[in-house]
Amino acid sequence: MINNLISFSLCSGLLLIIYQMLLKGKTLYTFNRYYLLFSMLFSLVVPFIGIESNIPIVDVIKPVKDAITFPSSKEMWLTEPQPQMPASHTVTTNDHINYWRYCLLALYISGVLILLFRFVRNLYIIKSIVKNGECLSYERARLVLVENSHTPHTFLNIIFLNKHDYHSKNIEKAILKHELTHARQLHSIDIILIELLQAVCWFNPFIPFYRKAIELNHEFIADAAAIDNTTDITSYQYLLLNTANQSNGLSITSQFNYLIIKKRLIMMTRSTPAINAIWTKIVTVPVFISAFLLFCSKTEAFTVFASVKNPTPIIEKALGDTTSTKQSPYKLVASNYPYTKDGASLAALKEYQQTVEKYFEGTDRFIKHPAKITVEDRAKLETIFKSMSRAQQENQMLMFTYQGEPLKAKHPSQADLEIWRTSSTSRVWINDKKVNNSELNNYSPSDFGLAIPTRLTKKSINYKKYRYEITLYTNDYYAKLYKKQMDERYLSVM
């Protein structure tokens, strides 16, 4: 989520820079209006859109020995187990609570509430002014005459004018035409959208610049409409200078302002050739395409999936999943594997640890050859393991689990075989025997009952030479394997 919000800010900044370089000085006012609005919405949506890249590999692991690793921490192994609490009590700890996350969340919510309060307050003030003012109809808009000295300004289809100036006929028609353009084109809708977006995404530093660009472009549009039927642009420019003052309306209304008068006067004398306007609009298309490809989410879609109805946790760990938690980092025990509520005694746990330690090898203290464990020790370990509570089981370095349901049949595609037979980073196994990749020339997709592409982790033994293990089973072999796994799905495995 944080990455998406960062992408939103960066994308909006990039498109704003393109606007400043490409469109700002051109008289494409209507196009600029929609460019700015679309840029904001585009930047907000694109980071949450995912693009799938087709890769004929999926993270389902067959050779556990190459993909699964266990912790080498001696301290974890030798730590004394904690006595079990009664079932009616639970123990909680706040040692790993991330308070910064809650502080940032509180800061974000506070900012949103403050900005929303300001927005609602401005709407309430406008409603009160409309309610207390004198309302008149004017060319499909509403005039609201007020007593204050604010310059003319517009909200939605409501034009606010000074009551004394209106009845004295001191308001020029060009000014009314200017404000009427704001009302008819509902420029306030743009400001409302940007206000709401700024309230929710106030962390984006580019939104205020978008707002200024949108408000300025609104004035350009209204000025163009006001001088559309006159050749005396100079008179209108002097009229703007005489009308603008420092007493302004609310932030969500369209209004006169000294700060933008200079830019408006300059743009009134400019024009953009038609050919330049066309090419400028065309150039924005690859800009948006590039921004989409740059800031959208990238995900990988695989052409082969080995579907498992209830995959065992040992396979999930073999997938290279690194999303473990600090409380229970190695959830490898099947959910339906036997355990007890009260757990094993301290003496039983020590016996379990001492038995397993006999088979440690090397300085990394791995059990590299579980087959060396004798039948008697294996039976003893399994019995003690089943007497443990679930928390005790998940704290052991040597665990028991169920093999689980066998993998469902899945044929590879012809495209998969073409890639695997020529890939130098893929190692191919057929019926549990390693073969040359070129051996796949003798097979078609229908010859295989199951295909298991495997992505090796960086800790895998053969990672430097290979990136993938391709395990294939012919139809007859898979049928026998499936029957065997179905018969043994509830046998304990280490």
Protein backbone atom coordinates (compact mmCIF):
# COMPACT_ATOMS: atom_id res chain seq x y z
CA MET A 1 0.00 0.00 0.00
CA ILE A 2 2.79 2.45 0.92
CA ASN A 3 4.51 1.73 -2.39
CA ASN A 4 1.26 2.46 -4.23
CA LEU A 5 0.87 5.81 -2.45
CA ILE A 6 4.45 6.75 -3.28
CA SER A 7 3.83 5.80 -6.92
CA PHE A 8 0.68 7.97 -6.85
CA SER A 9 2.69 11.00 -5.71
CA LEU A 10 5.52 10.41 -8.20
CA CYS A 11 3.15 9.81 -11.11
CA SER A 12 1.15 12.96 -10.36
CA GLY A 13 4.40 14.92 -10.10
CA LEU A 14 5.64 13.60 -13.45
CA LEU A 15 2.39 14.47 -15.24
CA LEU A 16 2.39 17.95 -13.66
CA ILE A 17 5.93 18.54 -14.95
CA ILE A 18 4.78 17.48 -18.43
CA TYR A 19 1.92 19.98 -18.16
CA GLN A 20 4.30 22.80 -17.17
CA MET A 21 6.66 22.00 -20.04
CA LEU A 22 4.18 21.12 -22.78
CA LEU A 23 0.77 22.72 -22.16
CA LYS A 24 1.04 25.59 -19.72
CA GLY A 25 1.80 28.36 -22.21
CA LYS A 26 -0.65 27.21 -24.89
CA THR A 27 -4.23 28.39 -25.36
CA LEU A 28 -5.66 24.86 -25.23
CA TYR A 29 -7.78 25.79 -22.23
CA THR A 30 -10.48 23.12 -22.45
CA PHE A 31 -7.96 20.40 -23.22
CA ASN A 32 -5.76 21.59 -20.35
CA ARG A 33 -8.71 21.41 -17.98
CA TYR A 34 -9.35 17.76 -18.70
CA TYR A 35 -5.64 16.96 -18.81
CA LEU A 36 -5.18 18.20 -15.24
CA LEU A 37 -8.26 16.44 -13.91
CA PHE A 38 -7.46 13.19 -15.70
CA SER A 39 -3.83 13.34 -14.56
CA MET A 40 -4.88 13.38 -10.91
CA LEU A 41 -7.35 10.51 -11.27
CA PHE A 42 -4.93 8.59 -13.50
CA SER A 43 -2.13 8.94 -10.96
CA LEU A 44 -4.42 7.75 -8.17
CA VAL A 45 -5.69 4.65 -9.99
CA VAL A 46 -2.68 3.40 -11.97
CA PRO A 47 -0.54 2.22 -9.00
CA PHE A 48 -3.37 -0.12 -8.01
CA ILE A 49 -3.61 -1.69 -11.48
CA GLY A 50 -1.52 -4.81 -11.91
CA ILE A 51 0.10 -6.00 -15.14
CA GLU A 52 0.66 -9.72 -15.38
CA SER A 53 3.72 -11.06 -17.14
CA ASN A 54 3.35 -14.59 -18.45
CA ILE A 55 6.10 -16.83 -17.09
CA PRO A 56 5.76 -20.60 -17.43
CA ILE A 57 7.00 -21.20 -13.88
CA VAL A 58 5.09 -21.40 -10.63
CA ASP A 59 6.25 -21.45 -7.07
CA VAL A 60 5.25 -24.99 -6.18
CA ILE A 61 8.13 -26.99 -4.78
CA LYS A 62 8.85 -30.63 -5.29
CA PRO A 63 12.44 -31.21 -4.06
CA VAL A 64 12.21 -29.97 -0.49
CA LYS A 65 15.89 -30.66 0.13
CA ASP A 66 16.89 -27.86 -2.26
CA ALA A 67 14.33 -25.30 -1.24
CA ILE A 68 13.64 -25.57 2.46
CA THR A 69 15.94 -24.23 5.16
CA PHE A 70 15.65 -24.38 8.90
CA PRO A 71 16.99 -21.94 11.50
CA SER A 72 20.53 -22.45 12.70
CA SER A 73 20.08 -20.56 15.93
CA LYS A 74 21.47 -22.63 18.77
CA GLU A 75 19.80 -20.38 21.28
CA MET A 76 16.35 -21.14 19.91
CA TRP A 77 17.05 -24.86 20.20
CA LEU A 78 18.47 -24.85 23.70
CA THR A 79 16.11 -22.35 25.33
CA GLU A 80 14.10 -23.81 28.17
CA PRO A 81 10.42 -24.20 27.19
CA GLN A 82 8.03 -21.99 29.08
CA PRO A 83 5.45 -23.67 31.32
CA GLN A 84 2.01 -23.82 29.77
CA MET A 85 -0.69 -21.53 31.12
CA PRO A 86 -4.12 -22.88 31.98
CA ALA A 87 -6.54 -22.94 29.05
CA SER A 88 -8.69 -20.23 30.61
CA HIS A 89 -5.81 -17.72 30.54
CA THR A 90 -3.99 -16.09 27.67
CA VAL A 91 -0.72 -14.21 27.74
CA THR A 92 -0.23 -11.18 25.56
CA THR A 93 2.87 -9.10 24.96
CA ASN A 94 3.48 -5.73 23.39
CA ASP A 95 7.19 -6.22 22.84
CA HIS A 96 6.82 -6.21 19.06
CA ILE A 97 4.10 -3.58 18.69
CA ASN A 98 5.06 -1.01 16.08
CA TYR A 99 3.94 2.24 17.72
CA TRP A 100 5.28 4.31 14.83
CA ARG A 101 2.64 2.76 12.59
CA TYR A 102 -0.14 3.89 14.92
CA CYS A 103 1.39 7.36 15.26
CA LEU A 104 1.54 7.78 11.49
CA LEU A 105 -2.03 6.51 11.16
CA ALA A 106 -3.19 9.00 13.81
CA LEU A 107 -1.33 11.81 12.01
CA TYR A 108 -2.91 10.87 8.69
CA ILE A 109 -6.44 10.71 10.13
CA SER A 110 -5.95 14.05 11.88
CA GLY A 111 -4.94 15.69 8.61
CA VAL A 112 -7.94 14.22 6.80
CA LEU A 113 -10.37 15.37 9.51
CA ILE A 114 -8.95 18.91 9.58
CA LEU A 115 -9.21 19.35 5.81
CA LEU A 116 -12.68 17.80 5.66
CA PHE A 117 -13.82 20.11 8.46
CA ARG A 118 -12.55 23.12 6.50
CA PHE A 119 -14.34 21.89 3.37
CA VAL A 120 -17.65 21.32 5.16
CA ARG A 121 -17.33 24.66 6.93
CA ASN A 122 -16.92 26.50 3.61
CA LEU A 123 -19.98 24.74 2.21
CA TYR A 124 -21.98 25.76 5.27
CA ILE A 125 -20.90 29.39 4.89
CA ILE A 126 -21.92 29.40 1.22
CA LYS A 127 -25.29 27.93 2.14
CA SER A 128 -25.81 30.64 4.76
CA ILE A 129 -24.88 33.40 2.29
CA VAL A 130 -27.30 32.04 -0.31
CA LYS A 131 -30.04 31.76 2.31
CA ASN A 132 -29.62 35.35 3.54
CA GLY A 133 -28.93 37.00 0.17
CA GLU A 134 -31.25 38.29 -2.52
CA CYS A 135 -31.63 35.66 -5.25
CA LEU A 136 -32.34 36.44 -8.92
CA SER A 137 -32.42 34.35 -12.11
CA TYR A 138 -29.97 35.25 -14.84
CA GLU A 139 -29.50 33.29 -18.09
CA ARG A 140 -29.96 29.82 -16.54
CA ALA A 141 -27.85 30.79 -13.54
CA ARG A 142 -28.63 32.32 -10.15
CA LEU A 143 -27.46 35.69 -8.92
CA VAL A 144 -27.09 36.11 -5.18
CA LEU A 145 -26.77 39.74 -4.12
CA VAL A 146 -24.86 40.27 -0.88
CA GLU A 147 -23.96 43.29 1.25
CA ASN A 148 -20.21 42.63 1.55
CA SER A 149 -17.55 44.08 -0.69
CA HIS A 150 -16.26 40.83 -2.16
CA THR A 151 -15.38 40.84 -5.82
CA PRO A 152 -17.73 38.81 -8.06
CA HIS A 153 -17.21 35.09 -7.58
CA THR A 154 -19.01 31.86 -8.53
CA PHE A 155 -19.88 28.55 -6.92
CA LEU A 156 -21.55 25.90 -9.09
CA ASN A 157 -24.28 27.84 -10.96
CA ILE A 158 -24.50 30.61 -8.33
CA ILE A 159 -22.89 34.00 -8.98
CA PHE A 160 -22.26 36.20 -5.96
CA LEU A 161 -22.39 39.99 -6.62
CA ASN A 162 -22.37 43.10 -4.52
CA LYS A 163 -25.97 44.18 -4.03
CA HIS A 164 -25.31 47.93 -4.27
CA ASP A 165 -23.14 47.59 -7.42
CA TYR A 166 -25.74 45.41 -9.14
CA HIS A 167 -28.70 47.74 -8.51
CA SER A 168 -26.56 50.73 -9.45
CA LYS A 169 -25.59 48.96 -12.69
CA ASN A 170 -21.89 49.31 -11.91
CA ILE A 171 -21.11 45.72 -12.93
CA GLU A 172 -19.94 45.46 -16.52
CA LYS A 173 -21.48 42.89 -18.85
CA ALA A 174 -18.03 41.43 -19.55
CA ILE A 175 -17.65 40.65 -15.84
CA LEU A 176 -21.06 38.99 -15.80
CA LYS A 177 -20.08 37.03 -18.92
CA HIS A 178 -16.88 35.93 -17.19
CA GLU A 179 -18.72 34.68 -14.11
CA LEU A 180 -21.50 33.15 -16.20
CA THR A 181 -18.87 31.00 -17.96
CA HIS A 182 -17.72 29.70 -14.58
CA ALA A 183 -21.30 28.87 -13.70
CA ARG A 184 -22.28 27.22 -16.97
CA GLN A 185 -19.15 25.04 -17.16
CA LEU A 186 -19.40 24.16 -13.45
CA HIS A 187 -15.78 24.94 -12.74
CA SER A 188 -16.54 24.57 -9.05
CA ILE A 189 -16.95 20.82 -9.57
CA ASP A 190 -13.24 20.66 -10.42
CA ILE A 191 -12.37 22.54 -7.24
CA ILE A 192 -14.62 20.32 -5.12
CA LEU A 193 -12.93 17.20 -6.53
CA ILE A 194 -9.46 18.57 -5.87
CA GLU A 195 -10.51 19.65 -2.33
CA LEU A 196 -11.74 16.15 -1.51
CA LEU A 197 -8.69 14.54 -3.07
CA GLN A 198 -6.41 16.85 -1.11
CA ALA A 199 -8.27 15.99 2.11
CA VAL A 200 -7.79 12.25 1.59
CA CYS A 201 -4.31 12.45 0.01
CA TRP A 202 -2.89 15.50 1.79
CA PHE A 203 0.51 13.78 1.93
CA ASN A 204 0.89 14.30 -1.84
CA PRO A 205 2.92 17.53 -2.19
CA PHE A 206 1.84 18.08 -5.79
CA ILE A 207 -1.92 18.46 -5.21
CA PRO A 208 -1.71 22.18 -4.23
CA PHE A 209 0.13 22.86 -7.49
CA TYR A 210 -2.57 21.02 -9.42
CA ARG A 211 -5.17 23.18 -7.72
CA LYS A 212 -3.42 26.42 -8.65
CA ALA A 213 -3.03 25.24 -12.26
CA ILE A 214 -6.71 24.24 -12.46
CA GLU A 215 -7.95 27.54 -10.95
CA LEU A 216 -5.74 29.58 -13.28
CA ASN A 217 -6.93 27.61 -16.30
CA HIS A 218 -10.55 28.28 -15.24
CA GLU A 219 -9.82 31.99 -15.41
CA PHE A 220 -8.29 31.60 -18.86
CA ILE A 221 -11.45 29.84 -20.05
CA ALA A 222 -13.72 32.52 -18.59
CA ASP A 223 -11.58 35.35 -20.00
CA ALA A 224 -11.67 33.78 -23.46
CA ALA A 225 -15.46 33.62 -23.28
CA ALA A 226 -15.70 37.23 -22.03
CA ILE A 227 -13.67 38.66 -24.93
CA ASP A 228 -15.04 36.25 -27.53
CA ASN A 229 -17.43 38.79 -29.01
CA THR A 230 -15.26 41.88 -28.74
CA THR A 231 -12.14 43.21 -30.42
CA ASP A 232 -11.34 45.66 -27.62
CA ILE A 233 -9.22 43.39 -25.45
CA THR A 234 -7.48 46.39 -23.85
CA SER A 235 -10.73 47.65 -22.33
CA TYR A 236 -11.39 44.27 -20.75
CA GLN A 237 -7.86 44.18 -19.36
CA TYR A 238 -8.33 47.58 -17.71
CA LEU A 239 -11.67 46.39 -16.41
CA LEU A 240 -9.97 43.44 -14.69
CA LEU A 241 -7.42 45.72 -13.07
CA ASN A 242 -10.16 48.03 -11.78
CA THR A 243 -12.32 45.16 -10.50
CA ALA A 244 -9.75 43.00 -8.72
CA ASN A 245 -8.95 43.81 -5.09
CA GLN A 246 -7.69 42.02 -2.03
CA SER A 247 -11.10 41.13 -0.59
CA ASN A 248 -11.84 37.67 -1.95
CA GLY A 249 -14.42 34.95 -1.57
CA LEU A 250 -14.03 31.46 -0.16
CA SER A 251 -11.36 29.07 -1.35
CA ILE A 252 -13.81 26.83 -3.22
CA THR A 253 -15.33 29.67 -5.33
CA SER A 254 -14.14 31.07 -8.65
CA GLN A 255 -13.06 34.69 -8.08
CA PHE A 256 -10.93 37.63 -9.18
CA ASN A 257 -7.48 37.84 -7.65
CA TYR A 258 -4.54 40.19 -8.12
CA LEU A 259 -2.08 37.30 -7.90
CA ILE A 260 -3.21 35.81 -11.19
CA ILE A 261 -4.21 38.95 -13.08
CA LYS A 262 -0.78 39.35 -14.68
CA LYS A 263 -0.79 35.82 -16.10
CA ARG A 264 -4.32 36.30 -17.40
CA LEU A 265 -3.41 39.53 -19.15
CA ILE A 266 -0.48 37.81 -20.89
CA MET A 267 -2.54 34.83 -22.06
CA MET A 268 -5.19 37.13 -23.61
CA THR A 269 -2.67 38.20 -26.23
CA ARG A 270 -1.46 34.70 -27.09
CA SER A 271 -2.67 32.20 -29.65
CA THR A 272 -1.61 28.65 -30.52
CA PRO A 273 -1.43 27.55 -34.19
CA ALA A 274 -3.79 24.70 -35.04
CA ILE A 275 -0.99 22.34 -36.13
CA ASN A 276 0.87 22.91 -32.85
CA ALA A 277 -2.31 22.27 -30.89
CA ILE A 278 -2.87 18.96 -32.70
CA TRP A 279 0.69 17.72 -32.18
CA THR A 280 0.65 18.76 -28.53
CA LYS A 281 -2.48 16.71 -27.90
CA ILE A 282 -1.02 13.71 -29.72
CA VAL A 283 2.18 13.83 -27.67
CA THR A 284 0.22 13.46 -24.43
CA VAL A 285 -0.90 9.95 -25.47
CA PRO A 286 2.57 8.30 -25.24
CA VAL A 287 3.13 10.29 -22.05
CA PHE A 288 0.20 8.58 -20.35
CA ILE A 289 1.17 5.19 -21.80
CA SER A 290 4.71 5.58 -20.44
CA ALA A 291 3.41 6.68 -17.05
CA PHE A 292 1.08 3.67 -16.95
CA LEU A 293 3.90 1.23 -17.68
CA LEU A 294 6.20 2.98 -15.22
CA PHE A 295 3.89 3.22 -12.21
CA CYS A 296 1.45 0.31 -12.51
CA SER A 297 1.92 -2.72 -10.28
CA LYS A 298 3.89 -5.58 -11.85
CA THR A 299 2.78 -9.09 -11.05
CA GLU A 300 3.77 -12.43 -12.52
CA ALA A 301 1.25 -14.82 -14.00
CA PHE A 302 2.33 -18.39 -14.58
CA THR A 303 1.08 -20.77 -17.23
CA VAL A 304 1.31 -23.90 -15.10
CA PHE A 305 -0.23 -24.31 -11.67
CA ALA A 306 0.01 -27.43 -9.53
CA SER A 307 -3.28 -27.14 -7.70
CA VAL A 308 -3.49 -28.56 -4.20
CA LYS A 309 -6.79 -28.66 -2.37
CA ASN A 310 -5.22 -28.58 1.08
CA PRO A 311 -1.47 -27.98 0.63
CA THR A 312 0.63 -29.02 3.57
CA PRO A 313 2.54 -26.29 5.39
CA ILE A 314 5.84 -27.95 4.52
CA ILE A 315 5.14 -27.26 0.84
CA GLU A 316 4.12 -23.68 1.61
CA LYS A 317 7.47 -23.16 3.34
CA ALA A 318 9.24 -24.69 0.36
CA LEU A 319 7.72 -22.03 -1.83
CA GLY A 320 10.25 -19.66 -0.36
CA ASP A 321 7.60 -17.68 1.55
CA THR A 322 9.38 -15.10 3.65
CA THR A 323 6.28 -13.58 5.18
CA SER A 324 6.81 -15.21 8.53
CA THR A 325 5.94 -13.57 11.81
CA LYS A 326 8.16 -13.16 14.81
CA GLN A 327 5.77 -15.02 17.07
CA SER A 328 5.54 -18.24 15.05
CA PRO A 329 8.12 -18.12 12.21
CA TYR A 330 7.89 -21.80 11.20
CA LYS A 331 4.27 -22.88 10.84
CA LEU A 332 5.03 -26.21 9.20
CA VAL A 333 2.61 -28.44 11.09
CA ALA A 334 -0.56 -29.45 9.26
CA SER A 335 -3.66 -27.88 10.78
CA ASN A 336 -5.24 -31.30 11.41
CA TYR A 337 -2.13 -32.88 12.91
CA PRO A 338 -2.72 -34.23 16.47
CA TYR A 339 -1.76 -32.09 19.46
CA THR A 340 -2.83 -31.73 23.09
CA LYS A 341 -4.37 -28.82 24.89
CA ASP A 342 -2.10 -28.92 27.94
CA GLY A 343 1.09 -29.78 26.07
CA ALA A 344 4.02 -32.05 26.83
CA SER A 345 5.86 -31.95 30.14
CA LEU A 346 9.22 -30.26 30.55
CA ALA A 347 10.92 -33.65 30.89
CA ALA A 348 9.35 -34.88 27.63
CA LEU A 349 10.46 -31.74 25.80
CA LYS A 350 14.04 -32.18 27.04
CA GLU A 351 14.01 -35.80 25.93
CA TYR A 352 12.75 -34.74 22.51
CA GLN A 353 15.53 -32.16 22.16
CA GLN A 354 18.25 -34.52 23.35
CA THR A 355 17.12 -37.21 20.90
CA VAL A 356 17.13 -34.85 17.94
CA GLU A 357 20.52 -33.39 18.90
CA LYS A 358 22.11 -36.78 18.38
CA TYR A 359 21.56 -36.36 14.65
CA PHE A 360 22.89 -32.83 14.23
CA GLU A 361 25.68 -32.51 11.67
CA GLY A 362 28.07 -29.70 10.84
CA THR A 363 28.57 -26.27 12.36
CA ASP A 364 25.19 -25.06 11.06
CA ARG A 365 23.49 -27.78 13.16
CA PHE A 366 21.25 -29.08 10.36
CA ILE A 367 19.77 -32.56 10.25
CA LYS A 368 20.99 -33.18 6.74
CA HIS A 369 20.06 -36.84 6.61
CA PRO A 370 16.77 -37.54 8.46
CA ALA A 371 16.91 -41.12 7.15
CA LYS A 372 19.71 -41.81 9.65
CA ILE A 373 17.25 -41.45 12.52
CA THR A 374 16.56 -44.94 13.79
CA VAL A 375 13.08 -46.46 13.74
CA GLU A 376 12.99 -46.48 17.56
CA ASP A 377 14.01 -42.81 17.87
CA ARG A 378 11.59 -41.79 15.15
CA ALA A 379 8.70 -43.53 16.90
CA LYS A 380 9.67 -41.93 20.22
CA LEU A 381 9.92 -38.47 18.65
CA GLU A 382 6.56 -38.83 16.91
CA THR A 383 4.85 -39.90 20.15
CA ILE A 384 6.27 -36.96 22.11
CA PHE A 385 5.50 -34.56 19.28
CA LYS A 386 1.83 -35.57 19.26
CA SER A 387 1.67 -34.94 23.02
CA MET A 388 2.81 -31.32 22.58
CA SER A 389 0.57 -28.28 22.33
CA ARG A 390 0.43 -26.51 18.99
CA ALA A 391 2.73 -23.73 20.25
CA GLN A 392 5.27 -26.30 21.46
CA GLN A 393 5.15 -28.12 18.12
CA GLU A 394 5.79 -24.95 16.15
CA ASN A 395 8.80 -24.16 18.36
CA GLN A 396 10.68 -27.36 17.46
CA MET A 397 13.40 -27.52 14.83
CA LEU A 398 12.37 -31.04 13.85
CA MET A 399 8.64 -31.30 13.24
CA PHE A 400 6.14 -33.89 12.12
CA THR A 401 3.28 -33.21 9.77
CA TYR A 402 0.95 -34.97 7.36
CA GLN A 403 1.95 -35.44 3.77
CA GLY A 404 -1.43 -34.06 2.75
CA GLU A 405 -3.45 -34.43 -0.42
CA PRO A 406 -1.50 -35.33 -3.57
CA LEU A 407 -1.06 -32.79 -6.31
CA LYS A 408 -3.87 -32.70 -8.85
CA ALA A 409 -3.16 -33.64 -12.44
CA LYS A 410 -1.88 -30.79 -14.59
CA HIS A 411 -0.55 -31.12 -18.15
CA PRO A 412 2.17 -28.72 -19.32
CA SER A 413 1.55 -26.71 -22.46
CA GLN A 414 3.51 -27.09 -25.67
CA ALA A 415 4.99 -23.64 -25.06
CA ASP A 416 6.22 -24.81 -21.66
CA LEU A 417 8.01 -27.80 -23.16
CA GLU A 418 9.64 -25.60 -25.80
CA ILE A 419 11.01 -23.28 -23.13
CA TRP A 420 12.18 -26.03 -20.78
CA ARG A 421 13.97 -28.09 -23.46
CA THR A 422 16.15 -25.08 -24.41
CA SER A 423 16.55 -23.39 -21.05
CA SER A 424 20.07 -23.44 -19.59
CA THR A 425 18.81 -22.38 -16.16
CA SER A 426 16.26 -25.19 -15.79
CA ARG A 427 17.02 -28.71 -14.58
CA VAL A 428 14.56 -31.37 -15.77
CA TRP A 429 13.42 -34.46 -13.87
CA ILE A 430 11.16 -37.14 -15.42
CA ASN A 431 9.69 -39.72 -13.06
CA ASP A 432 12.15 -38.66 -10.34
CA LYS A 433 15.18 -39.18 -12.63
CA LYS A 434 17.34 -36.33 -13.85
CA VAL A 435 17.47 -36.14 -17.65
CA ASN A 436 18.92 -33.87 -20.30
CA ASN A 437 16.58 -31.06 -21.30
CA SER A 438 16.68 -32.31 -24.89
CA GLU A 439 14.92 -35.47 -23.70
CA LEU A 440 11.70 -33.45 -23.83
CA ASN A 441 11.85 -33.69 -27.63
CA ASN A 442 10.54 -37.24 -27.23
CA TYR A 443 7.40 -36.15 -25.39
CA SER A 444 4.22 -34.20 -26.03
CA PRO A 445 2.18 -32.35 -23.37
CA SER A 446 -0.41 -35.16 -23.20
CA ASP A 447 2.29 -37.65 -22.16
CA PHE A 448 2.61 -36.03 -18.74
CA GLY A 449 0.04 -36.33 -16.00
CA LEU A 450 1.69 -33.72 -13.79
CA ALA A 451 4.18 -30.88 -14.27
CA ILE A 452 5.73 -29.10 -11.28
CA PRO A 453 7.92 -26.13 -12.19
CA THR A 454 9.95 -25.01 -9.16
CA ARG A 455 11.62 -21.68 -8.53
CA LEU A 456 14.74 -22.24 -6.42
CA THR A 457 15.54 -19.87 -3.57
CA LYS A 458 18.90 -18.15 -3.21
CA LYS A 459 19.76 -20.56 -0.39
CA SER A 460 19.21 -23.60 -2.56
CA ILE A 461 22.22 -25.86 -3.15
CA ASN A 462 22.11 -25.53 -6.96
CA TYR A 463 21.00 -21.89 -7.16
CA LYS A 464 24.24 -20.68 -8.77
CA LYS A 465 23.82 -23.13 -11.65
CA TYR A 466 20.05 -23.38 -11.95
CA ARG A 467 17.08 -21.17 -11.24
CA TYR A 468 14.30 -23.70 -11.82
CA GLU A 469 13.64 -27.39 -11.27
CA ILE A 470 11.15 -28.91 -13.70
CA THR A 471 9.63 -32.10 -12.29
CA LEU A 472 7.51 -34.11 -14.73
CA TYR A 473 5.56 -37.33 -14.25
CA THR A 474 4.29 -39.46 -17.12
CA ASN A 475 0.66 -40.54 -17.00
CA ASP A 476 1.29 -44.10 -15.77
CA TYR A 477 3.87 -43.01 -13.22
CA TYR A 478 1.63 -40.23 -11.93
CA ALA A 479 -1.33 -42.62 -11.56
CA LYS A 480 0.77 -44.90 -9.31
CA LEU A 481 2.17 -41.93 -7.40
CA TYR A 482 -1.29 -40.46 -6.89
CA LYS A 483 -2.63 -43.74 -5.47
CA LYS A 484 0.37 -44.08 -3.18
CA GLN A 485 0.04 -40.51 -1.89
CA MET A 486 -3.68 -40.91 -1.33
CA ASP A 487 -3.02 -44.03 0.76
CA GLU A 488 -0.30 -42.28 2.75
CA ARG A 489 -1.76 -38.78 3.07
CA TYR A 490 -2.31 -39.23 6.82
CA LEU A 491 1.08 -40.80 7.57
CA SER A 492 3.44 -38.66 9.60
CA VAL A 493 6.45 -37.21 7.83
CA MET A 494 9.37 -35.25 9.29
